[in-house]
Amino acid sequence: MIKYELSHDTIARQIYEKTSADAKARRKVQLMITRAYQRFGERGVLLTQEDLDELKPHEKNIPLQPEELDFIQQSKRVLQQKAIRRRQLAIGIILALTTMLLFALWQWRKARASAIAQKRVTLAIQAREALDNGDASLAYRLAEAAYHGDIQPETQNAIQEVLEDLDEAGLTVDFLHDGPVQALAIAEDEQRFLTGSEDGKARLWDALRKLLFEYSHSGAISQVAFSPWDQHPVTASLDSSLCFWDGKNRCVFSIQHGGPITGFQMVENRNLILITSPKLVSLYDRSGILLKRFMPGTTILSAALSPNGSDLLLATVDKVEVWNTFFLSDQFKGQDIEGQFCTLEDNIQAARFIQSDARNVRLLVISKSGIHIYDRNCEENTPEYTALTEHLGRYEQPNYLTFSYPGFQDPKTLWVTEQTKVRMWSAYRDDGAGKPKTDLNLFSDTDQTFYCASFSPSDRYLLISSATNWVNIWNLGFGQDITRAFRFKSKVTNAVFSSKDHWLLTTSGGNTAQLWDLSQKATYNANRWLQNFDLYSKRLRPLTDKEKEHYLN
């Protein structure tokens, strides 16, 4: 009973205390409203949000005068209006910021689109400049980069002009190396292409840039060719080795020359191989047997076999020797037969066989005493070349000489003076009355430094290139008037034609050799390139990292 009474007293006390606390709180709030209403009457100050929050739990339990109730409602209305205004202000600010952001985004997109459009214009201009500077592959890559996406009609026209020029030129494939390409050759079947580089690699390609085989030397490749006996690749290197390769990538046999090989020559009908280095010249037969070694003890200017292989010329700074290769053959080994035709002693500057003349063995010698043309006995008994001697003596000493391929009616000699002036003369021409014609066949001033000249094996074309980056290919006309067949922009420092004039293989001294199709010259079609970007992207060299940074970033 006592416990029950104590418990009842405790609960009653808690209820009392709680009731007392609520009453105190209501009293406190009522007092706060009364004082706030007085301030409102004196100064017009309404209740704050904190005041209303404090009032809210007791609002229904506090006896308030009508004017106090109006005061409370007025305070609520004012605070609600302020809240609405704040929300409206916030929404306005958000809308303003959103509008500004959208405008800025629109402006950025517009500026970006304008920048992209301007970039495409720039790329189109740079593509033209690259082509004018002789880099056709770079021109294509820049035109390709400029063409993607929406472009202005003017830009599209500029790109199409570049691609039409590339199509006109016939650019087909780039053959890539890791070092400068120095040596070029095209097989008789016109289906295989051989390139050699300073990186010590020679590579065999097909016309679609498929790498068929790679051949390695420990030194730079100096010359490449296809064997006249089996049409397999032959490579020479500054590591002193000459390799004959089989149909795969095996060196069937090699010749260790004893000095860095700067050139070699093969003559099919005599089964001879001549190898040259600055201090040593060696003559071998087809199987690699050494027939004769020449070590004159002084600088060798040149060594060559005559077009028919019957004679060997060796020129040093003080003399020219002509040898009969028949007496240098293996059957005369050990016999006391020199086999030497003649010797010319002079201050020699250059000496060459006139390689274009398969009818007669003729030597062109430039020495301190002048320019002379001799027969194989070192006699100036060459009346058919009198006009050529006069031409050569009439101008400055030539700094470049080359000849057309042997076996044709009019052997051609081309020479360059003053680094820009190119002249060509043909032997055995007549004026229609049986007398030799003495005029020049061709004179061309390249305006800027001459780079190279190359005759086609068919005797149909002559290529001339210079620092203008124009490549001019002349149609020699088979006795008719000489006309310009093709003209296109590319830097070319070395060039070879295929046997039937279908292909032209060139290099500019960089890491790329380029293959040009001379058979597709009837129509020029930019759409062929525009519709086949993926195809040409696989065939032409990519941009280097340096070019990407310069042109695309």
Protein backbone atom coordinates (compact mmCIF):
# COMPACT_ATOMS: atom_id res chain seq x y z
CA MET A 1 0.00 0.00 0.00
CA ILE A 2 2.82 2.33 0.89
CA LYS A 3 4.62 1.47 -2.39
CA TYR A 4 1.49 2.21 -4.40
CA GLU A 5 1.07 5.58 -2.78
CA LEU A 6 4.67 6.52 -3.42
CA SER A 7 4.38 5.56 -7.08
CA HIS A 8 1.16 7.48 -7.43
CA ASP A 9 2.76 10.56 -5.90
CA THR A 10 5.74 10.30 -8.33
CA ILE A 11 3.53 10.16 -11.43
CA ALA A 12 1.43 12.98 -10.11
CA ARG A 13 4.54 15.02 -9.51
CA GLN A 14 5.79 14.35 -13.09
CA ILE A 15 2.40 15.33 -14.53
CA TYR A 16 2.41 18.42 -12.39
CA GLU A 17 5.91 19.32 -13.45
CA LYS A 18 5.10 18.79 -17.13
CA THR A 19 1.89 20.74 -16.82
CA SER A 20 3.73 23.45 -15.01
CA ALA A 21 6.45 23.54 -17.74
CA ASP A 22 3.84 23.80 -20.52
CA ALA A 23 2.07 26.52 -18.60
CA LYS A 24 5.34 28.37 -18.18
CA ALA A 25 6.07 28.02 -21.90
CA ARG A 26 2.62 29.26 -22.86
CA ARG A 27 2.97 32.11 -20.46
CA LYS A 28 6.35 32.95 -21.90
CA VAL A 29 5.00 32.89 -25.45
CA GLN A 30 1.95 34.91 -24.47
CA LEU A 31 4.19 37.48 -22.86
CA MET A 32 6.41 37.53 -25.99
CA ILE A 33 3.32 38.18 -28.19
CA THR A 34 2.10 40.93 -25.89
CA ARG A 35 5.45 42.71 -25.93
CA ALA A 36 5.87 42.20 -29.69
CA TYR A 37 2.45 43.66 -30.30
CA GLN A 38 3.39 46.69 -28.18
CA ARG A 39 6.57 47.15 -30.27
CA PHE A 40 4.45 46.87 -33.40
CA GLY A 41 2.21 49.62 -32.12
CA GLU A 42 5.20 51.79 -31.27
CA ARG A 43 7.57 51.05 -34.18
CA GLY A 44 5.66 48.87 -36.66
CA VAL A 45 7.95 45.86 -36.13
CA LEU A 46 6.32 42.55 -36.99
CA LEU A 47 7.09 39.09 -35.70
CA THR A 48 10.14 37.33 -37.05
CA GLN A 49 10.21 33.78 -38.36
CA GLU A 50 11.91 32.71 -35.11
CA ASP A 51 9.04 34.28 -33.15
CA LEU A 52 6.47 32.44 -35.22
CA ASP A 53 8.37 29.16 -34.84
CA GLU A 54 8.30 29.64 -31.06
CA LEU A 55 4.57 30.49 -31.14
CA LYS A 56 3.48 27.62 -33.36
CA PRO A 57 3.31 24.78 -30.71
CA HIS A 58 1.17 26.96 -28.38
CA GLU A 59 -0.82 29.09 -30.78
CA LYS A 60 -4.14 27.30 -30.17
CA ASN A 61 -3.71 27.20 -26.40
CA ILE A 62 -2.94 30.85 -25.74
CA PRO A 63 -5.75 33.32 -25.15
CA LEU A 64 -5.11 36.17 -27.59
CA GLN A 65 -6.92 39.35 -28.32
CA PRO A 66 -8.37 39.84 -31.83
CA GLU A 67 -5.86 42.57 -32.57
CA GLU A 68 -3.03 40.23 -31.53
CA LEU A 69 -4.39 37.55 -33.82
CA ASP A 70 -4.45 40.07 -36.70
CA PHE A 71 -0.91 41.04 -35.78
CA ILE A 72 0.21 37.41 -35.99
CA GLN A 73 -1.54 36.86 -39.33
CA GLN A 74 -0.05 40.07 -40.73
CA SER A 75 3.43 38.90 -39.67
CA LYS A 76 2.84 35.56 -41.40
CA ARG A 77 1.66 37.27 -44.59
CA VAL A 78 4.67 39.59 -44.70
CA LEU A 79 7.08 36.72 -44.10
CA GLN A 80 5.37 34.61 -46.78
CA GLN A 81 5.63 37.50 -49.23
CA LYS A 82 9.32 37.88 -48.40
CA ALA A 83 9.83 34.14 -48.89
CA ILE A 84 8.05 34.35 -52.24
CA ARG A 85 10.23 37.27 -53.27
CA ARG A 86 13.37 35.40 -52.24
CA ARG A 87 12.27 32.38 -54.25
CA GLN A 88 11.48 34.59 -57.20
CA LEU A 89 14.85 36.27 -56.88
CA ALA A 90 16.60 32.93 -56.65
CA ILE A 91 14.69 31.64 -59.66
CA GLY A 92 15.51 34.85 -61.53
CA ILE A 93 19.18 34.53 -60.69
CA ILE A 94 19.15 30.86 -61.73
CA LEU A 95 17.38 31.74 -64.97
CA ALA A 96 19.81 34.57 -65.63
CA LEU A 97 22.80 32.35 -64.91
CA THR A 98 21.32 29.57 -67.07
CA THR A 99 20.71 32.03 -69.88
CA MET A 100 24.24 33.35 -69.58
CA LEU A 101 25.61 29.81 -69.51
CA LEU A 102 23.57 28.78 -72.54
CA PHE A 103 24.66 31.92 -74.35
CA ALA A 104 28.27 31.27 -73.40
CA LEU A 105 27.90 27.66 -74.56
CA TRP A 106 26.37 28.85 -77.82
CA GLN A 107 29.15 31.37 -78.23
CA TRP A 108 31.74 28.68 -77.45
CA ARG A 109 30.19 26.28 -79.93
CA LYS A 110 29.99 29.03 -82.51
CA ALA A 111 33.62 30.00 -81.84
CA ARG A 112 34.64 26.35 -81.91
CA ALA A 113 32.78 25.76 -85.16
CA SER A 114 34.39 28.89 -86.56
CA ALA A 115 37.81 27.73 -85.32
CA ILE A 116 37.26 24.29 -86.85
CA ALA A 117 36.14 25.86 -90.12
CA GLN A 118 39.16 28.15 -90.06
CA LYS A 119 41.39 25.18 -89.21
CA ARG A 120 40.03 23.32 -92.22
CA VAL A 121 40.71 26.36 -94.39
CA THR A 122 44.24 26.47 -92.99
CA LEU A 123 44.74 22.74 -93.60
CA ALA A 124 43.53 23.13 -97.19
CA ILE A 125 46.00 25.99 -97.71
CA GLN A 126 48.78 23.95 -96.08
CA ALA A 127 47.90 20.97 -98.29
CA ARG A 128 48.46 23.15 -101.35
CA GLU A 129 51.71 24.49 -99.89
CA ALA A 130 52.89 20.95 -99.12
CA LEU A 131 52.22 19.91 -102.71
CA ASP A 132 53.97 22.99 -104.06
CA ASN A 133 56.92 22.14 -101.81
CA GLY A 134 57.10 18.68 -103.34
CA ASP A 135 55.62 16.54 -100.54
CA ALA A 136 52.65 14.87 -102.20
CA SER A 137 51.99 12.47 -99.31
CA LEU A 138 51.86 15.29 -96.75
CA ALA A 139 49.55 17.20 -99.08
CA TYR A 140 47.20 14.22 -99.16
CA ARG A 141 47.20 13.80 -95.36
CA LEU A 142 46.43 17.48 -94.80
CA ALA A 143 43.67 17.41 -97.43
CA GLU A 144 42.25 14.32 -95.74
CA ALA A 145 42.28 16.05 -92.33
CA ALA A 146 40.62 19.15 -93.78
CA TYR A 147 37.88 17.26 -95.60
CA HIS A 148 36.26 15.44 -92.67
CA GLY A 149 33.04 17.04 -91.37
CA ASP A 150 31.05 19.97 -92.72
CA ILE A 151 33.20 22.28 -94.78
CA GLN A 152 32.64 25.46 -96.71
CA PRO A 153 32.31 25.18 -100.51
CA GLU A 154 35.49 27.24 -101.00
CA THR A 155 37.45 24.88 -98.76
CA GLN A 156 36.02 21.84 -100.52
CA ASN A 157 37.03 23.28 -103.89
CA ALA A 158 40.56 23.92 -102.64
CA ILE A 159 40.82 20.35 -101.37
CA GLN A 160 39.48 18.95 -104.61
CA GLU A 161 42.08 20.91 -106.57
CA VAL A 162 44.85 19.35 -104.48
CA LEU A 163 43.38 15.87 -104.92
CA GLU A 164 42.95 16.39 -108.66
CA ASP A 165 46.62 17.34 -108.90
CA LEU A 166 47.55 14.20 -106.94
CA ASP A 167 45.36 12.10 -109.20
CA GLU A 168 46.91 13.74 -112.25
CA ALA A 169 50.37 12.94 -110.92
CA GLY A 170 49.41 9.28 -110.44
CA LEU A 171 50.66 8.91 -106.87
CA THR A 172 49.79 5.35 -105.82
CA VAL A 173 51.88 4.04 -102.93
CA ASP A 174 54.51 5.07 -100.37
CA PHE A 175 57.20 2.54 -99.48
CA LEU A 176 58.46 3.23 -95.95
CA HIS A 177 61.87 2.78 -94.33
CA ASP A 178 63.42 3.78 -91.01
CA GLY A 179 66.21 5.69 -92.74
CA PRO A 180 66.75 7.73 -95.93
CA VAL A 181 66.00 5.76 -99.09
CA GLN A 182 68.95 5.79 -101.49
CA ALA A 183 68.49 2.92 -103.94
CA LEU A 184 65.60 1.98 -106.24
CA ALA A 185 64.82 -0.78 -108.74
CA ILE A 186 61.80 -2.20 -110.57
CA ALA A 187 61.60 -5.81 -111.74
CA GLU A 188 61.07 -6.67 -115.40
CA ASP A 189 57.60 -8.04 -114.57
CA GLU A 190 56.62 -4.58 -113.24
CA GLN A 191 55.06 -6.28 -110.22
CA ARG A 192 57.91 -6.01 -107.72
CA PHE A 193 59.69 -2.96 -106.39
CA LEU A 194 62.99 -2.92 -104.50
CA THR A 195 64.08 -0.08 -102.20
CA GLY A 196 67.28 0.28 -100.18
CA SER A 197 67.98 2.57 -97.24
CA GLU A 198 70.74 3.91 -95.03
CA ASP A 199 69.21 1.82 -92.24
CA GLY A 200 70.82 -1.27 -93.80
CA LYS A 201 67.49 -2.68 -95.01
CA ALA A 202 66.39 -3.45 -98.54
CA ARG A 203 62.70 -4.16 -98.96
CA LEU A 204 60.77 -5.92 -101.71
CA TRP A 205 57.21 -4.68 -102.25
CA ASP A 206 54.23 -5.25 -104.47
CA ALA A 207 52.21 -2.44 -106.05
CA LEU A 208 49.79 -2.33 -103.09
CA ARG A 209 52.56 -1.68 -100.53
CA LYS A 210 52.58 -5.24 -99.27
CA LEU A 211 56.05 -5.98 -97.92
CA LEU A 212 57.11 -9.25 -99.55
CA PHE A 213 60.60 -9.65 -98.08
CA GLU A 214 63.21 -7.68 -96.17
CA TYR A 215 66.94 -8.09 -96.73
CA SER A 216 69.44 -6.96 -94.10
CA HIS A 217 73.02 -5.71 -94.22
CA SER A 218 75.15 -4.37 -91.40
CA GLY A 219 75.83 -1.17 -93.33
CA ALA A 220 73.87 1.30 -95.43
CA ILE A 221 72.45 0.01 -98.71
CA SER A 222 74.26 1.71 -101.61
CA GLN A 223 72.60 0.08 -104.63
CA VAL A 224 69.86 -2.43 -105.45
CA ALA A 225 68.94 -4.23 -108.67
CA PHE A 226 67.24 -7.29 -110.06
CA SER A 227 69.57 -9.94 -111.44
CA PRO A 228 69.45 -10.10 -115.26
CA TRP A 229 69.79 -13.89 -115.02
CA ASP A 230 66.86 -14.80 -112.75
CA GLN A 231 65.22 -11.46 -111.81
CA HIS A 232 65.87 -12.03 -108.09
CA PRO A 233 66.97 -9.11 -105.89
CA VAL A 234 70.62 -8.07 -105.62
CA THR A 235 71.77 -5.68 -102.90
CA ALA A 236 75.06 -3.91 -102.22
CA SER A 237 76.12 -2.28 -98.98
CA LEU A 238 78.80 -0.11 -97.46
CA ASP A 239 79.54 -3.14 -95.25
CA SER A 240 81.49 -4.43 -98.32
CA SER A 241 79.04 -7.22 -99.18
CA LEU A 242 77.08 -7.90 -102.36
CA CYS A 243 74.21 -10.38 -101.91
CA PHE A 244 72.24 -12.35 -104.47
CA TRP A 245 68.93 -13.37 -102.92
CA ASP A 246 66.61 -16.21 -103.84
CA GLY A 247 62.82 -16.02 -104.17
CA LYS A 248 62.55 -15.71 -100.41
CA ASN A 249 64.91 -13.83 -98.15
CA ARG A 250 67.97 -16.06 -98.26
CA CYS A 251 71.28 -14.80 -99.61
CA VAL A 252 72.14 -17.52 -102.13
CA PHE A 253 75.70 -16.30 -102.36
CA SER A 254 77.52 -13.16 -101.39
CA ILE A 255 80.70 -11.46 -102.48
CA GLN A 256 82.89 -9.82 -99.87
CA HIS A 257 84.50 -7.02 -101.81
CA GLY A 258 87.13 -5.77 -99.40
CA GLY A 259 85.86 -2.19 -99.28
CA PRO A 260 82.58 -0.27 -98.95
CA ILE A 261 80.66 -0.92 -102.15
CA THR A 262 79.55 2.28 -103.84
CA GLY A 263 78.18 0.63 -106.97
CA PHE A 264 77.97 -2.52 -109.07
CA GLN A 265 77.09 -3.46 -112.63
CA MET A 266 75.91 -6.73 -114.18
CA VAL A 267 76.12 -7.64 -117.88
CA GLU A 268 73.92 -10.56 -118.85
CA ASN A 269 75.47 -11.74 -122.11
CA ARG A 270 79.02 -11.81 -120.70
CA ASN A 271 78.00 -13.14 -117.24
CA LEU A 272 80.03 -10.38 -115.59
CA ILE A 273 79.71 -8.55 -112.29
CA LEU A 274 81.71 -5.37 -111.68
CA ILE A 275 81.97 -4.03 -108.10
CA THR A 276 83.34 -0.60 -107.23
CA SER A 277 84.58 1.08 -104.07
CA PRO A 278 86.73 4.21 -103.59
CA LYS A 279 90.03 2.28 -103.58
CA LEU A 280 89.19 -1.08 -105.15
CA VAL A 281 87.48 -2.41 -108.28
CA SER A 282 86.78 -6.13 -108.76
CA LEU A 283 85.48 -8.08 -111.74
CA TYR A 284 83.68 -11.38 -111.11
CA ASP A 285 81.88 -13.89 -113.22
CA ARG A 286 78.27 -14.78 -112.56
CA SER A 287 79.14 -17.52 -110.07
CA GLY A 288 81.23 -15.14 -107.94
CA ILE A 289 84.68 -16.19 -109.17
CA LEU A 290 87.15 -13.30 -109.08
CA LEU A 291 88.53 -12.52 -112.55
CA LYS A 292 90.47 -9.32 -111.94
CA ARG A 293 91.12 -6.96 -109.07
CA PHE A 294 92.26 -3.38 -109.59
CA MET A 295 93.95 -1.49 -106.77
CA PRO A 296 95.52 1.53 -108.48
CA GLY A 297 96.78 3.08 -105.25
CA THR A 298 95.05 6.35 -105.92
CA THR A 299 91.46 7.62 -105.87
CA ILE A 300 89.18 5.79 -108.29
CA LEU A 301 86.88 8.20 -110.10
CA SER A 302 84.81 5.63 -111.93
CA ALA A 303 84.71 2.08 -113.22
CA ALA A 304 82.24 0.65 -115.71
CA LEU A 305 81.57 -2.07 -118.23
CA SER A 306 80.62 -1.07 -121.77
CA PRO A 307 76.98 -1.72 -122.74
CA ASN A 308 77.86 -5.01 -124.42
CA GLY A 309 80.27 -6.04 -121.66
CA SER A 310 83.26 -6.31 -123.97
CA ASP A 311 85.25 -3.49 -122.35
CA LEU A 312 86.06 -2.33 -118.85
CA LEU A 313 86.92 1.28 -118.06
CA LEU A 314 88.90 2.28 -114.99
CA ALA A 315 89.44 6.00 -114.34
CA THR A 316 91.68 7.45 -111.64
CA VAL A 317 92.84 11.00 -111.08
CA ASP A 318 95.88 10.52 -113.33
CA LYS A 319 94.82 8.07 -116.06
CA VAL A 320 92.12 6.11 -117.84
CA GLU A 321 92.56 2.42 -118.66
CA VAL A 322 90.45 0.34 -121.03
CA TRP A 323 90.52 -3.44 -120.74
CA ASN A 324 89.19 -6.25 -122.91
CA THR A 325 87.00 -8.36 -120.64
CA PHE A 326 87.35 -11.38 -122.91
CA PHE A 327 90.98 -11.77 -121.88
CA LEU A 328 90.06 -11.26 -118.24
CA SER A 329 87.79 -14.31 -118.24
CA ASP A 330 88.56 -17.43 -116.23
CA GLN A 331 89.89 -19.38 -119.24
CA PHE A 332 92.85 -17.00 -119.56
CA LYS A 333 93.81 -17.12 -115.89
CA GLY A 334 97.51 -17.78 -115.42
CA GLN A 335 98.38 -16.84 -118.99
CA ASP A 336 100.58 -13.88 -119.79
CA ILE A 337 97.82 -11.89 -121.45
CA GLU A 338 97.20 -8.40 -120.13
CA GLY A 339 94.00 -7.76 -122.02
CA GLN A 340 94.51 -4.01 -121.89
CA PHE A 341 93.39 -1.95 -124.87
CA CYS A 342 94.90 1.39 -123.99
CA THR A 343 95.85 3.96 -121.35
CA LEU A 344 95.25 7.71 -121.33
CA GLU A 345 97.43 9.69 -118.93
CA ASP A 346 96.24 13.15 -117.96
CA ASN A 347 94.81 15.11 -115.08
CA ILE A 348 91.51 13.23 -115.22
CA GLN A 349 88.35 14.77 -113.80
CA ALA A 350 85.75 12.31 -115.07
CA ALA A 351 85.50 9.40 -117.52
CA ARG A 352 82.51 7.38 -118.65
CA PHE A 353 81.45 4.99 -121.34
CA ILE A 354 78.74 6.56 -123.45
CA GLN A 355 76.37 3.94 -122.11
CA SER A 356 73.62 4.76 -124.57
CA ASP A 357 75.69 3.59 -127.57
CA ALA A 358 75.52 -0.17 -128.06
CA ARG A 359 76.80 0.14 -131.66
CA ASN A 360 80.31 1.37 -130.82
CA VAL A 361 82.38 1.51 -127.66
CA ARG A 362 82.90 5.20 -126.93
CA LEU A 363 84.59 6.90 -123.97
CA LEU A 364 83.78 10.40 -122.78
CA VAL A 365 86.74 11.84 -120.86
CA ILE A 366 86.89 15.18 -119.08
CA SER A 367 90.44 16.20 -118.24
CA LYS A 368 92.61 19.23 -117.77
CA SER A 369 93.14 19.36 -121.53
CA GLY A 370 89.42 19.49 -122.27
CA ILE A 371 86.50 17.24 -123.12
CA HIS A 372 87.22 14.39 -125.54
CA ILE A 373 85.47 11.36 -126.94
CA TYR A 374 87.64 8.33 -127.71
CA ASP A 375 87.19 4.87 -129.14
CA ARG A 376 88.30 1.74 -127.26
CA ASN A 377 91.87 2.30 -128.46
CA CYS A 378 91.98 5.77 -126.85
CA GLU A 379 91.94 7.46 -130.25
CA GLU A 380 89.73 10.40 -131.16
CA ASN A 381 88.48 8.60 -134.24
CA THR A 382 84.80 9.28 -133.54
CA PRO A 383 83.38 11.53 -136.30
CA GLU A 384 79.78 10.69 -135.34
CA TYR A 385 80.42 12.39 -131.98
CA THR A 386 82.18 15.50 -133.29
CA ALA A 387 79.07 17.62 -132.75
CA LEU A 388 78.71 16.34 -129.19
CA THR A 389 82.35 17.23 -128.45
CA GLU A 390 81.74 20.71 -129.80
CA HIS A 391 78.62 21.12 -127.70
CA LEU A 392 80.33 19.94 -124.54
CA GLY A 393 83.29 22.26 -125.18
CA ARG A 394 81.10 25.24 -125.98
CA TYR A 395 79.55 25.53 -122.51
CA GLU A 396 80.80 25.33 -118.99
CA GLN A 397 82.13 21.99 -117.86
CA PRO A 398 79.21 19.67 -117.08
CA ASN A 399 78.61 18.80 -113.45
CA TYR A 400 76.15 16.02 -114.28
CA LEU A 401 76.17 13.43 -117.08
CA THR A 402 73.78 10.60 -117.87
CA PHE A 403 72.83 8.52 -120.88
CA SER A 404 69.76 6.81 -122.29
CA TYR A 405 69.51 3.01 -122.27
CA PRO A 406 71.58 1.22 -124.95
CA GLY A 407 70.09 -0.57 -127.92
CA PHE A 408 68.18 2.24 -129.63
CA GLN A 409 68.74 4.10 -132.90
CA ASP A 410 69.66 7.46 -131.42
CA PRO A 411 71.90 7.12 -128.32
CA LYS A 412 71.25 10.12 -126.11
CA THR A 413 73.66 12.05 -123.91
CA LEU A 414 72.36 14.50 -121.33
CA TRP A 415 74.46 16.95 -119.37
CA VAL A 416 73.91 19.84 -116.97
CA THR A 417 75.90 23.04 -116.57
CA GLU A 418 75.59 25.96 -114.14
CA GLN A 419 73.44 23.68 -111.90
CA THR A 420 70.31 24.61 -113.87
CA LYS A 421 70.83 24.24 -117.64
CA VAL A 422 70.00 20.84 -119.11
CA ARG A 423 71.01 19.84 -122.64
CA MET A 424 70.49 16.61 -124.57
CA TRP A 425 72.03 15.47 -127.83
CA SER A 426 71.47 12.31 -129.89
CA ALA A 427 74.00 10.48 -132.06
CA TYR A 428 73.40 8.98 -135.55
CA ARG A 429 70.63 11.38 -136.50
CA ASP A 430 70.55 12.67 -140.03
CA ASP A 431 69.03 15.74 -141.60
CA GLY A 432 67.14 13.79 -144.26
CA ALA A 433 69.94 14.17 -146.79
CA GLY A 434 72.20 11.62 -145.15
CA LYS A 435 74.20 14.19 -143.19
CA PRO A 436 74.44 14.11 -139.39
CA LYS A 437 72.29 16.57 -137.51
CA THR A 438 74.33 18.66 -135.13
CA ASP A 439 71.66 20.60 -133.25
CA LEU A 440 70.59 19.89 -129.69
CA ASN A 441 67.53 17.75 -129.13
CA LEU A 442 66.57 19.45 -125.88
CA PHE A 443 67.51 22.49 -123.86
CA SER A 444 65.78 23.29 -120.58
CA ASP A 445 66.59 25.81 -117.89
CA THR A 446 65.25 24.56 -114.55
CA ASP A 447 65.46 28.05 -112.95
CA GLN A 448 66.57 26.46 -109.68
CA THR A 449 69.11 23.78 -108.81
CA PHE A 450 68.83 20.65 -110.94
CA TYR A 451 68.14 17.44 -108.95
CA CYS A 452 68.15 14.49 -111.32
CA ALA A 453 67.41 13.15 -114.80
CA SER A 454 66.33 9.66 -115.77
CA PHE A 455 65.63 7.98 -119.10
CA SER A 456 63.06 5.22 -119.35
CA PRO A 457 64.28 1.77 -120.50
CA SER A 458 61.94 1.99 -123.50
CA ASP A 459 63.67 5.19 -124.69
CA ARG A 460 60.27 6.84 -124.61
CA TYR A 461 60.49 9.18 -121.62
CA LEU A 462 62.97 11.52 -120.00
CA LEU A 463 62.39 12.79 -116.47
CA ILE A 464 63.93 16.05 -115.25
CA SER A 465 63.44 17.36 -111.72
CA SER A 466 64.79 20.37 -109.88
CA ALA A 467 64.48 22.45 -106.73
CA THR A 468 61.35 24.08 -108.20
CA ASN A 469 59.73 20.73 -107.19
CA TRP A 470 58.30 20.42 -110.68
CA VAL A 471 58.81 17.02 -112.27
CA ASN A 472 58.75 17.24 -116.05
CA ILE A 473 58.49 14.02 -118.06
CA TRP A 474 59.26 14.52 -121.73
CA ASN A 475 58.07 12.26 -124.51
CA LEU A 476 61.14 11.75 -126.67
CA GLY A 477 58.92 10.85 -129.58
CA PHE A 478 60.92 8.03 -131.21
CA GLY A 479 62.44 10.44 -133.70
CA GLN A 480 59.49 12.84 -133.68
CA ASP A 481 59.26 16.21 -131.94
CA ILE A 482 59.93 16.16 -128.22
CA THR A 483 56.87 17.11 -126.20
CA ARG A 484 56.12 17.26 -122.50
CA ALA A 485 54.04 14.22 -121.57
CA PHE A 486 53.45 14.83 -117.85
CA ARG A 487 54.15 17.50 -115.31
CA PHE A 488 53.47 17.31 -111.59
CA LYS A 489 54.70 18.61 -108.26
CA SER A 490 57.02 16.46 -106.17
CA LYS A 491 60.52 16.63 -104.81
CA VAL A 492 62.47 13.95 -106.68
CA THR A 493 66.20 13.37 -106.27
CA ASN A 494 66.33 9.85 -107.71
CA ALA A 495 63.98 8.11 -110.14
CA VAL A 496 63.65 4.90 -112.16
CA PHE A 497 61.07 3.90 -114.78
CA SER A 498 59.68 0.39 -115.19
CA SER A 499 60.55 -1.50 -118.36
CA LYS A 500 57.22 -0.78 -120.07
CA ASP A 501 56.78 2.75 -118.67
CA HIS A 502 53.84 1.76 -116.48
CA TRP A 503 55.47 2.82 -113.19
CA LEU A 504 57.78 5.50 -111.91
CA LEU A 505 59.60 4.91 -108.61
CA THR A 506 61.13 7.95 -106.90
CA THR A 507 62.69 9.18 -103.69
CA SER A 508 63.52 12.62 -102.32
CA GLY A 509 66.21 11.55 -99.88
CA GLY A 510 63.75 11.01 -97.00
CA ASN A 511 62.50 7.78 -95.47
CA THR A 512 59.94 7.21 -98.21
CA ALA A 513 59.99 5.97 -101.79
CA GLN A 514 56.96 6.79 -103.91
CA LEU A 515 55.34 4.82 -106.70
CA TRP A 516 53.58 6.71 -109.48
CA ASP A 517 51.22 5.22 -112.03
CA LEU A 518 51.98 6.66 -115.49
CA SER A 519 49.20 4.68 -117.19
CA GLN A 520 46.25 6.61 -115.70
CA LYS A 521 46.76 9.98 -117.31
CA ALA A 522 43.58 10.32 -119.37
CA THR A 523 41.28 11.79 -116.72
CA TYR A 524 41.86 13.55 -113.44
CA ASN A 525 39.32 12.60 -110.82
CA ALA A 526 39.39 14.02 -107.29
CA ASN A 527 36.38 11.88 -106.38
CA ARG A 528 38.50 8.78 -106.76
CA TRP A 529 40.46 10.07 -103.76
CA LEU A 530 37.51 11.56 -101.87
CA GLN A 531 35.62 8.28 -101.99
CA ASN A 532 38.62 6.15 -101.08
CA PHE A 533 40.26 7.93 -98.15
CA ASP A 534 40.47 4.64 -96.25
CA LEU A 535 42.19 2.93 -99.18
CA TYR A 536 44.76 5.67 -99.75
CA SER A 537 45.30 6.01 -96.00
CA LYS A 538 46.66 2.45 -96.05
CA ARG A 539 48.88 3.12 -99.05
CA LEU A 540 50.43 6.49 -98.23
CA ARG A 541 52.68 7.35 -95.33
CA PRO A 542 51.10 8.61 -92.08
CA LEU A 543 51.91 11.95 -90.54
CA THR A 544 54.95 11.92 -88.32
CA ASP A 545 54.60 12.97 -84.67
CA LYS A 546 56.33 16.22 -85.51
CA GLU A 547 53.92 16.88 -88.39
CA LYS A 548 50.90 16.08 -86.20
CA GLU A 549 52.08 18.56 -83.59
CA HIS A 550 52.77 21.21 -86.21
CA TYR A 551 49.65 20.88 -88.35
CA LEU A 552 46.90 19.31 -86.26
CA ASN A 553 47.36 20.71 -82.74
